[in-house]
Protein backbone atom coordinates (compact mmCIF):
# COMPACT_ATOMS: atom_id res chain seq x y z
CA MET A 1 0.02 0.25 -0.18
CA THR A 2 1.09 3.58 -0.84
CA GLN A 3 1.75 5.82 2.32
CA ARG A 4 0.55 9.35 1.72
CA TYR A 5 2.39 12.14 3.15
CA ARG A 6 1.29 15.88 3.85
CA PHE A 7 3.49 19.02 3.86
CA LYS A 8 2.63 22.23 5.79
CA VAL A 9 3.08 25.42 2.67
CA ASP A 10 0.72 27.95 4.60
CA LYS A 11 1.52 30.72 2.23
CA LEU A 12 0.28 32.93 -0.75
CA ILE A 13 0.54 31.07 -4.07
CA ARG A 14 0.39 31.83 -7.63
CA ASP A 15 -3.25 31.29 -8.90
CA LYS A 16 -2.77 28.42 -11.28
CA LEU A 17 -0.74 26.46 -9.20
CA PRO A 18 -3.31 24.53 -7.63
CA ASP A 19 -4.33 23.40 -10.96
CA ILE A 20 -1.06 22.48 -11.95
CA MET A 21 -0.27 20.70 -8.87
CA ARG A 22 -3.82 18.45 -9.14
CA LYS A 23 -2.35 17.54 -12.71
CA ASP A 24 0.70 15.82 -10.87
CA ASN A 25 -1.57 14.52 -8.75
CA ILE A 26 -0.79 16.67 -5.96
CA PHE A 27 -3.81 18.04 -3.87
CA ALA A 28 -3.47 21.50 -2.63
CA PHE A 29 -5.51 22.70 0.18
CA GLU A 30 -6.40 26.04 -0.90
CA ARG A 31 -8.58 28.94 -0.16
CA VAL A 32 -9.75 32.59 -1.03
CA MET A 33 -8.44 34.93 1.36
CA GLU A 34 -10.01 37.96 2.56
CA THR A 35 -8.58 41.33 1.62
CA ASP A 36 -6.73 42.04 4.94
CA GLU A 37 -5.30 38.55 5.05
CA TYR A 38 -4.18 38.96 1.59
CA VAL A 39 -2.65 42.04 1.67
CA LYS A 40 -0.51 40.62 5.14
CA ARG A 41 0.26 37.46 2.97
CA LEU A 42 1.56 39.56 0.25
CA LYS A 43 3.97 41.44 2.40
CA ASP A 44 4.93 38.19 3.79
CA LYS A 45 5.59 36.99 -0.01
CA LEU A 46 7.47 40.33 -0.78
CA LEU A 47 10.17 38.87 1.90
CA GLU A 48 9.91 35.65 0.82
CA GLU A 49 10.92 36.60 -2.84
CA ALA A 50 13.27 39.21 -1.63
CA LYS A 51 15.39 36.85 0.25
CA GLU A 52 15.15 34.80 -3.24
CA VAL A 53 16.83 37.34 -4.71
CA VAL A 54 19.44 37.70 -2.26
CA GLN A 55 20.14 33.88 -2.88
CA ALA A 56 20.51 34.00 -6.51
CA ARG A 57 23.96 32.73 -7.58
CA ASN A 58 23.47 33.42 -11.13
CA ARG A 59 22.32 35.99 -13.72
CA SER A 60 19.13 33.45 -14.97
CA ALA A 61 18.28 32.82 -11.20
CA VAL A 62 18.51 36.52 -10.73
CA LYS A 63 16.16 37.08 -13.60
CA GLU A 64 13.72 34.67 -12.22
CA GLU A 65 13.40 35.96 -8.79
CA LEU A 66 13.30 39.48 -9.65
CA ALA A 67 10.19 38.61 -11.90
CA ASP A 68 8.76 37.01 -9.15
CA LEU A 69 9.36 39.93 -6.85
CA LEU A 70 7.86 42.31 -9.37
CA GLU A 71 4.71 40.18 -9.56
CA VAL A 72 4.40 40.50 -5.66
CA ILE A 73 4.98 44.36 -6.14
CA HIS A 74 2.22 44.63 -8.41
CA ALA A 75 -0.09 42.75 -6.93
CA LEU A 76 0.48 44.35 -3.38
CA SER A 77 0.03 47.77 -5.38
CA LEU A 78 -3.07 46.55 -6.82
CA ALA A 79 -4.42 45.49 -3.17
CA GLN A 80 -3.74 48.83 -1.96
CA GLY A 81 -5.51 50.48 -4.33
CA LEU A 82 -2.35 51.96 -6.27
CA SER A 83 -1.74 51.09 -9.73
CA TYR A 84 1.77 50.09 -10.89
CA GLN A 85 2.20 53.16 -12.86
CA GLU A 86 1.66 55.27 -9.51
CA CYS A 87 4.43 53.43 -7.63
CA GLU A 88 6.45 53.99 -11.01
CA ASP A 89 5.95 57.67 -10.89
CA ALA A 90 6.84 57.61 -7.17
CA ARG A 91 9.70 55.89 -7.79
CA LEU A 92 10.95 58.29 -10.71
CA LYS A 93 9.95 60.98 -8.26
CA LYS A 94 12.25 59.99 -5.36
CA LYS A 95 14.94 59.08 -7.79
CA ASP A 96 14.76 63.02 -9.18
CA GLU A 97 14.64 63.99 -5.61
CA LYS A 98 17.13 61.83 -3.84
CA GLY A 99 19.06 59.75 -6.62
CA GLY A 100 18.56 55.90 -7.35
CA PHE A 101 21.82 53.37 -6.59
CA GLU A 102 23.71 53.31 -9.94
CA ARG A 103 26.70 55.55 -8.05
CA ARG A 104 27.06 52.42 -5.84
CA VAL A 105 27.25 54.90 -2.56
CA TYR A 106 28.07 52.98 0.47
CA ASN A 107 27.68 54.98 3.89
CA ALA A 108 29.46 53.51 6.96
CA TYR A 109 28.40 56.15 9.31
CA VAL A 110 27.34 59.55 9.64
CA GLU A 111 28.20 61.87 12.37
CA MET A 112 26.40 65.36 13.63
CA ASP A 113 26.64 67.53 16.40
CA SER A 114 24.00 67.35 19.30
CA ASP A 115 21.76 70.30 17.95
CA ASN A 116 21.48 68.76 14.41
CA LYS A 117 17.72 68.54 13.66
CA SER A 118 18.25 65.09 12.16
CA ILE A 119 19.74 63.60 15.32
CA GLY A 120 16.30 62.49 16.84
CA TYR A 121 15.73 60.40 13.39
CA TYR A 122 18.84 58.40 14.28
CA GLN A 123 18.34 58.04 18.39
CA ALA A 124 14.91 56.63 17.70
CA ARG A 125 16.40 53.86 15.87
CA PRO A 126 18.95 52.13 17.47
CA ASP A 127 18.60 48.71 15.92
CA GLU A 128 19.10 50.44 12.68
CA TYR A 129 21.56 53.00 13.53
CA PRO A 130 23.69 52.12 16.55
CA GLU A 131 25.55 54.80 18.33
CA VAL A 132 29.36 54.57 17.30
CA LYS A 133 31.50 55.79 20.46
């Protein structure tokens, strides 16, 4: 007798995957999520896909993982009532104001006087910006 196995997935998957899996005799236990859960799961998927981009080791893998990441960004923007174009316009505006990442600028640390207007920003985020003595 053949033994049956069940594996926990517990994540948002692409729309066509349940049908694809069924064709391979894999039975997906899927359901349609309400909006709040969907947005939360999209954000989880965003982090998952970003990690996969980081782990990709060659040009082809990076391309595939970036495509997945863009798909999640597209879905998340729509779920939030934003068009992809609105996000792209915001990206271009921010790039115009603050620049992009093409120049490969790395910042090791910042230094400022105690009366600098920006000091509160850094002090409020000690995990992100620990003070260097």
